[in-house]
Amino acid sequence: MKVAITGVGGFIGSAVANLMLRRGYEVVGMDNLDPYYPPDYKLMRLKKLEEDPKFTFIRGDFTLQEDVDRLLRGVEGVIHVGAKAGVRASIRDPQAYIWVNTVGTLRLLEGMLRIGIKRIVMASTSSIYAGHPAPFVEDMKVDSPISPYAVSKKAAENLLYTYHHLYGIEAFILRYFTVYGPFGRPDMSVFKLLYAAMSGEEFPLYGDGTQRRSFTYVDDVVKATVLAYEKVRGYEIVNVGNPNDHPLSYITELIEKFTGRSIRIRRFEFNKADLPITKANVDKARRILGWEPELSLEEGMRRTSKWFVENWQEIRNVFPHMPDI
């Protein structure tokens, strides 16, 4: 059993690859080591994966058809978690987000069609639900995205539906909600709060800290992703998130508690491309995948803080200052 994983050097992609390898799959993973944040951080994640002989790494770009063909050779299915992420960054460079997230997804689907691969699981985002009251349910009409990032991911979802309808490709779309954990993305609040706690630098807070998120521990997200790959039939969109939302101010309190350090905060105006709340309804995930998150926010933050403290020197070497992304 051989599976292709895009974005394998990323936070979620590397964790998915790790679980697939433990479950006996052969994994071929692709990443272009995009300099959105230092590639050395991705290389830290890849180092462990490359110890497993069932893992093959391809440095390549899934917007290039020749690289897609290399990735898909001999595989049975695709887990497409590679993407250009970041709501605020997408405002600065919208063309790049459409190119990678939408055109790149098209390249993968075209490659699958040529080779005859019929199974794909793709990561999408809760950012798509802008304008709706929480909790978010999969059948909400999501035609009012408020960031180029959300636009690019919604277009990718539509492409998967089209290729399912026209060519019978089995496709699961997983809308992730604010994933955190060890090796987390450096542009997200949990990483930056931990960095501020350890370094003494100021944490840039957009808004007043009352914005709420369905913070979801990475291991729970990875389990849902692997379940989806093993159960994919037809075309489905499924929320993967914690049904219990929490304010960012509470995350700050937990990190201060678990690191034993205080966090200095610098306030900025709330960014209108952000959502004031994300809250996941996971009834469909329970029904279709038999999944719901297992780890409490408090335990997840304890584990994440512990990892960050233990790896602080290596993190500081990669990020001499808090990432400005």
Protein backbone atom coordinates (compact mmCIF):
# COMPACT_ATOMS: atom_id res chain seq x y z
CA MET A 1 0.00 0.00 0.00
CA LYS A 2 1.65 3.18 -1.20
CA VAL A 3 0.28 6.67 -0.62
CA ALA A 4 1.41 10.09 -1.85
CA ILE A 5 1.37 12.99 0.61
CA THR A 6 1.79 16.61 -0.47
CA GLY A 7 3.24 19.15 1.94
CA VAL A 8 5.04 16.35 3.77
CA GLY A 9 7.52 18.76 5.37
CA GLY A 10 4.67 20.79 6.85
CA PHE A 11 3.13 20.61 10.30
CA ILE A 12 0.19 18.35 9.47
CA GLY A 13 1.72 16.61 6.45
CA SER A 14 4.70 15.30 8.42
CA ALA A 15 2.44 14.11 11.24
CA VAL A 16 0.12 12.32 8.79
CA ALA A 17 3.12 10.66 7.14
CA ASN A 18 4.38 9.49 10.51
CA LEU A 19 1.09 7.80 11.38
CA MET A 20 0.75 6.24 7.92
CA LEU A 21 4.22 4.76 8.24
CA ARG A 22 3.36 3.35 11.67
CA ARG A 23 0.27 1.74 10.14
CA GLY A 24 2.42 -0.05 7.57
CA TYR A 25 1.93 2.16 4.52
CA GLU A 26 4.71 3.04 2.12
CA VAL A 27 4.79 6.83 1.85
CA VAL A 28 6.16 9.05 -0.88
CA GLY A 29 6.05 12.66 0.20
CA MET A 30 6.61 15.90 -1.69
CA ASP A 31 7.49 19.36 -0.40
CA ASN A 32 9.06 22.34 -2.12
CA LEU A 33 10.42 23.75 1.18
CA ASP A 34 8.69 27.05 0.50
CA PRO A 35 10.54 29.93 2.23
CA TYR A 36 7.27 31.25 3.73
CA TYR A 37 9.07 30.23 6.91
CA PRO A 38 12.65 28.88 7.26
CA PRO A 39 13.06 25.54 5.44
CA ASP A 40 15.27 24.34 8.29
CA TYR A 41 12.13 23.99 10.41
CA LYS A 42 10.65 21.64 7.80
CA LEU A 43 13.92 19.74 7.65
CA MET A 44 13.63 19.16 11.41
CA ARG A 45 10.29 17.45 10.79
CA LEU A 46 11.58 15.45 7.81
CA LYS A 47 14.62 14.16 9.68
CA LYS A 48 12.57 11.67 11.71
CA LEU A 49 10.56 10.51 8.70
CA GLU A 50 13.68 9.76 6.68
CA GLU A 51 14.77 7.23 9.30
CA ASP A 52 12.00 4.92 8.06
CA PRO A 53 12.90 2.87 4.94
CA LYS A 54 9.24 2.95 3.83
CA PHE A 55 9.48 6.73 3.35
CA THR A 56 10.66 8.48 0.19
CA PHE A 57 11.05 12.26 0.02
CA ILE A 58 10.78 14.18 -3.24
CA ARG A 59 11.67 17.84 -3.26
CA GLY A 60 9.26 19.18 -5.80
CA ASP A 61 6.33 21.45 -6.58
CA PHE A 62 2.83 20.11 -7.18
CA THR A 63 2.02 23.07 -9.43
CA LEU A 64 4.47 21.53 -11.94
CA GLN A 65 3.06 18.60 -13.87
CA GLU A 66 6.39 16.81 -14.19
CA ASP A 67 6.80 16.86 -10.40
CA VAL A 68 3.24 15.62 -9.94
CA ASP A 69 3.98 12.70 -12.24
CA ARG A 70 7.03 11.79 -10.15
CA LEU A 71 4.97 11.93 -6.96
CA LEU A 72 2.09 9.81 -8.24
CA ARG A 73 4.08 7.04 -9.85
CA GLY A 74 2.97 3.72 -8.36
CA VAL A 75 0.70 5.10 -5.61
CA GLU A 76 -2.83 3.99 -4.75
CA GLY A 77 -4.12 7.30 -3.40
CA VAL A 78 -3.29 10.87 -2.41
CA ILE A 79 -3.45 12.82 0.83
CA HIS A 80 -3.29 16.44 -0.27
CA VAL A 81 -2.37 18.56 2.74
CA GLY A 82 0.17 20.72 0.94
CA ALA A 83 -0.95 24.32 0.54
CA LYS A 84 0.06 27.92 0.83
CA ALA A 85 -1.44 28.77 4.21
CA GLY A 86 -2.10 31.95 6.12
CA VAL A 87 -5.06 34.32 5.98
CA ARG A 88 -3.20 37.62 6.43
CA ALA A 89 -0.33 36.62 4.14
CA SER A 90 -2.81 35.81 1.38
CA ILE A 91 -3.92 39.45 1.33
CA ARG A 92 -0.36 40.52 0.52
CA ASP A 93 0.10 38.00 -2.30
CA PRO A 94 -3.26 36.67 -3.51
CA GLN A 95 -1.93 35.44 -6.85
CA ALA A 96 0.47 33.02 -5.15
CA TYR A 97 -2.37 31.52 -3.12
CA ILE A 98 -4.60 30.95 -6.13
CA TRP A 99 -1.68 29.44 -8.03
CA VAL A 100 -0.60 26.99 -5.35
CA ASN A 101 -3.90 26.05 -3.72
CA THR A 102 -6.19 26.08 -6.74
CA VAL A 103 -4.01 25.50 -9.80
CA GLY A 104 -1.83 23.08 -7.82
CA THR A 105 -4.89 21.03 -6.88
CA LEU A 106 -5.91 20.97 -10.55
CA ARG A 107 -2.46 19.67 -11.49
CA LEU A 108 -2.84 16.83 -8.98
CA LEU A 109 -6.29 15.89 -10.23
CA GLU A 110 -5.12 15.90 -13.83
CA GLY A 111 -2.19 13.69 -12.88
CA MET A 112 -4.48 11.30 -11.02
CA LEU A 113 -6.77 11.14 -14.05
CA ARG A 114 -3.92 10.30 -16.42
CA ILE A 115 -2.51 7.59 -14.19
CA GLY A 116 -5.83 6.16 -13.04
CA ILE A 117 -5.71 7.00 -9.32
CA LYS A 118 -9.22 7.21 -7.85
CA ARG A 119 -8.77 8.25 -4.19
CA ILE A 120 -7.91 11.63 -2.65
CA VAL A 121 -8.27 13.26 0.75
CA MET A 122 -7.71 17.03 0.78
CA ALA A 123 -7.22 19.45 3.65
CA SER A 124 -9.40 22.53 3.58
CA THR A 125 -10.11 25.20 6.16
CA SER A 126 -12.68 26.59 8.58
CA SER A 127 -11.88 30.03 7.10
CA ILE A 128 -14.40 29.14 4.38
CA TYR A 129 -17.29 29.66 6.86
CA ALA A 130 -16.95 33.46 7.04
CA GLY A 131 -20.24 35.22 7.63
CA HIS A 132 -22.04 32.26 9.21
CA PRO A 133 -23.13 31.88 12.84
CA ALA A 134 -21.23 29.29 14.87
CA PRO A 135 -21.15 26.35 15.16
CA PHE A 136 -20.26 25.70 11.54
CA VAL A 137 -21.98 22.85 9.68
CA GLU A 138 -20.77 21.36 6.41
CA ASP A 139 -23.92 22.10 4.41
CA MET A 140 -23.76 25.86 5.02
CA LYS A 141 -23.62 27.90 1.82
CA VAL A 142 -20.02 29.15 1.75
CA ASP A 143 -19.96 31.61 -1.12
CA SER A 144 -18.78 34.72 0.79
CA PRO A 145 -15.08 34.12 1.60
CA ILE A 146 -13.26 37.12 3.10
CA SER A 147 -9.63 36.28 2.29
CA PRO A 148 -7.81 35.11 -0.84
CA TYR A 149 -6.73 32.05 1.15
CA ALA A 150 -10.35 31.03 1.73
CA VAL A 151 -11.15 31.72 -1.94
CA SER A 152 -8.30 29.48 -3.07
CA LYS A 153 -9.38 26.59 -0.84
CA LYS A 154 -13.05 26.85 -1.79
CA ALA A 155 -12.07 26.74 -5.46
CA ALA A 156 -10.00 23.62 -4.74
CA GLU A 157 -13.02 22.01 -3.06
CA ASN A 158 -15.09 22.74 -6.15
CA LEU A 159 -12.48 21.14 -8.37
CA LEU A 160 -12.62 17.93 -6.32
CA TYR A 161 -16.38 17.81 -6.70
CA THR A 162 -16.13 18.37 -10.47
CA TYR A 163 -13.58 15.55 -10.91
CA HIS A 164 -15.68 13.27 -8.72
CA HIS A 165 -18.78 14.04 -10.82
CA LEU A 166 -17.08 13.76 -14.22
CA TYR A 167 -14.56 10.97 -13.63
CA GLY A 168 -15.61 9.08 -10.50
CA ILE A 169 -12.68 10.14 -8.31
CA GLU A 170 -13.45 9.34 -4.65
CA ALA A 171 -12.83 12.53 -2.68
CA PHE A 172 -12.98 13.51 0.99
CA ILE A 173 -12.49 17.15 1.97
CA LEU A 174 -11.55 17.79 5.59
CA ARG A 175 -12.11 21.31 6.89
CA TYR A 176 -9.52 21.71 9.64
CA PHE A 177 -10.06 24.02 12.61
CA THR A 178 -7.03 25.80 14.17
CA VAL A 179 -4.62 22.88 14.50
CA TYR A 180 -1.88 23.15 17.15
CA GLY A 181 0.74 20.91 18.71
CA PRO A 182 4.48 20.08 18.62
CA PHE A 183 6.20 21.35 15.46
CA GLY A 184 3.26 23.71 14.89
CA ARG A 185 3.24 26.38 12.22
CA PRO A 186 5.26 29.48 13.21
CA ASP A 187 2.70 31.88 11.76
CA MET A 188 -0.01 30.73 14.16
CA SER A 189 -0.90 32.14 17.56
CA VAL A 190 0.11 29.13 19.69
CA PHE A 191 3.66 29.08 18.31
CA LYS A 192 4.00 32.85 18.66
CA LEU A 193 2.67 32.84 22.21
CA LEU A 194 5.15 30.14 23.16
CA TYR A 195 7.93 32.04 21.44
CA ALA A 196 7.00 35.21 23.32
CA ALA A 197 6.96 33.33 26.62
CA MET A 198 10.42 31.82 26.08
CA SER A 199 12.14 34.81 24.46
CA GLY A 200 10.57 37.74 26.26
CA GLU A 201 9.62 39.33 22.94
CA GLU A 202 6.16 40.87 22.57
CA PHE A 203 3.28 38.83 21.22
CA PRO A 204 1.40 40.69 18.45
CA LEU A 205 -2.28 40.49 19.39
CA TYR A 206 -4.77 41.46 16.70
CA GLY A 207 -7.91 42.48 18.55
CA ASP A 208 -8.60 42.16 22.26
CA GLY A 209 -8.04 38.43 22.77
CA THR A 210 -11.74 37.55 22.91
CA GLN A 211 -11.69 35.95 19.44
CA ARG A 212 -12.59 32.29 19.85
CA ARG A 213 -11.26 29.22 18.04
CA SER A 214 -11.87 25.47 17.95
CA PHE A 215 -8.27 24.71 18.91
CA THR A 216 -7.66 21.10 17.79
CA TYR A 217 -4.65 18.99 18.77
CA VAL A 218 -2.62 17.68 15.84
CA ASP A 219 -2.85 13.99 16.81
CA ASP A 220 -6.64 14.17 16.67
CA VAL A 221 -6.51 15.83 13.25
CA VAL A 222 -4.09 13.21 11.94
CA LYS A 223 -6.33 10.35 13.11
CA ALA A 224 -9.28 11.88 11.27
CA THR A 225 -7.19 12.29 8.13
CA VAL A 226 -6.05 8.67 8.08
CA LEU A 227 -9.59 7.44 8.81
CA ALA A 228 -10.85 9.51 5.90
CA TYR A 229 -8.23 8.04 3.58
CA GLU A 230 -9.17 4.50 4.56
CA LYS A 231 -12.93 5.11 4.33
CA VAL A 232 -13.20 7.53 1.39
CA ARG A 233 -16.23 6.83 -0.79
CA GLY A 234 -18.02 9.20 -3.12
CA TYR A 235 -17.63 12.89 -2.30
CA GLU A 236 -17.84 14.25 1.24
CA ILE A 237 -16.97 17.41 3.15
CA VAL A 238 -16.27 16.81 6.85
CA ASN A 239 -15.36 19.20 9.66
CA VAL A 240 -12.33 18.19 11.72
CA GLY A 241 -12.20 20.32 14.82
CA ASN A 242 -12.81 20.62 18.51
CA PRO A 243 -16.52 21.36 19.17
CA ASN A 244 -15.46 23.33 22.25
CA ASP A 245 -14.20 26.80 21.29
CA HIS A 246 -11.99 28.93 23.55
CA PRO A 247 -10.82 32.55 23.55
CA LEU A 248 -7.23 33.37 22.69
CA SER A 249 -6.87 34.95 26.13
CA TYR A 250 -7.35 31.51 27.71
CA ILE A 251 -4.61 30.04 25.52
CA THR A 252 -2.33 32.80 26.77
CA GLU A 253 -3.13 31.86 30.38
CA LEU A 254 -2.41 28.17 29.74
CA ILE A 255 0.94 28.88 28.09
CA GLU A 256 1.99 31.13 30.95
CA LYS A 257 1.00 28.36 33.37
CA PHE A 258 2.82 25.55 31.57
CA THR A 259 6.00 27.50 30.77
CA GLY A 260 6.10 29.35 34.08
CA ARG A 261 6.72 32.61 32.21
CA SER A 262 4.71 35.74 31.57
CA ILE A 263 3.87 36.99 28.08
CA ARG A 264 4.22 40.61 27.01
CA ILE A 265 1.55 41.69 24.55
CA ARG A 266 1.51 44.38 21.87
CA ARG A 267 -1.96 45.15 20.56
CA PHE A 268 -2.98 45.79 16.96
CA GLU A 269 -6.34 46.42 15.33
CA PHE A 270 -8.36 43.27 14.58
CA ASN A 271 -7.75 42.18 11.00
CA LYS A 272 -10.98 42.16 8.99
CA ALA A 273 -9.85 39.07 7.08
CA ASP A 274 -9.94 37.08 10.35
CA LEU A 275 -13.05 35.44 11.77
CA PRO A 276 -14.14 36.47 15.29
CA ILE A 277 -15.09 32.86 16.04
CA THR A 278 -14.63 29.40 14.58
CA LYS A 279 -16.59 26.56 16.17
CA ALA A 280 -16.89 23.10 14.65
CA ASN A 281 -19.96 20.94 14.49
CA VAL A 282 -18.49 17.41 14.20
CA ASP A 283 -21.69 15.34 14.03
CA LYS A 284 -20.85 14.30 10.48
CA ALA A 285 -17.32 13.22 11.45
CA ARG A 286 -18.80 11.08 14.23
CA ARG A 287 -21.29 9.51 11.84
CA ILE A 288 -19.08 8.93 8.79
CA LEU A 289 -15.62 8.45 10.30
CA GLY A 290 -16.42 7.35 13.84
CA TRP A 291 -14.19 10.22 14.95
CA GLU A 292 -14.21 12.98 17.49
CA PRO A 293 -11.33 14.75 19.22
CA GLU A 294 -9.99 12.91 22.27
CA LEU A 295 -7.50 15.30 23.85
CA SER A 296 -8.61 18.17 26.06
CA LEU A 297 -7.31 21.64 25.31
CA GLU A 298 -5.51 21.77 28.65
CA GLU A 299 -3.65 18.50 28.07
CA GLY A 300 -2.88 19.41 24.47
CA MET A 301 -1.43 22.76 25.52
CA ARG A 302 0.59 21.06 28.28
CA ARG A 303 2.15 18.67 25.75
CA THR A 304 2.79 21.43 23.23
CA SER A 305 4.38 23.71 25.82
CA LYS A 306 6.57 20.86 27.09
CA TRP A 307 7.80 20.11 23.56
CA PHE A 308 8.51 23.77 22.89
CA VAL A 309 10.50 24.23 26.11
CA GLU A 310 12.51 21.03 25.52
CA ASN A 311 13.35 22.08 21.94
CA TRP A 312 13.72 25.79 22.60
CA GLN A 313 17.40 26.08 21.72
CA GLU A 314 16.95 24.40 18.32
CA ILE A 315 13.84 26.48 17.65
CA ARG A 316 15.72 29.65 18.58
CA ASN A 317 18.52 28.71 16.20
CA VAL A 318 16.02 28.45 13.33
CA PHE A 319 14.03 31.51 14.44
CA PRO A 320 16.41 34.07 16.03
CA HIS A 321 13.38 36.37 16.38
CA MET A 322 9.66 35.79 16.41
CA PRO A 323 8.50 35.05 12.84
CA ASP A 324 6.93 38.11 11.23
CA ILE A 325 4.37 36.14 9.22
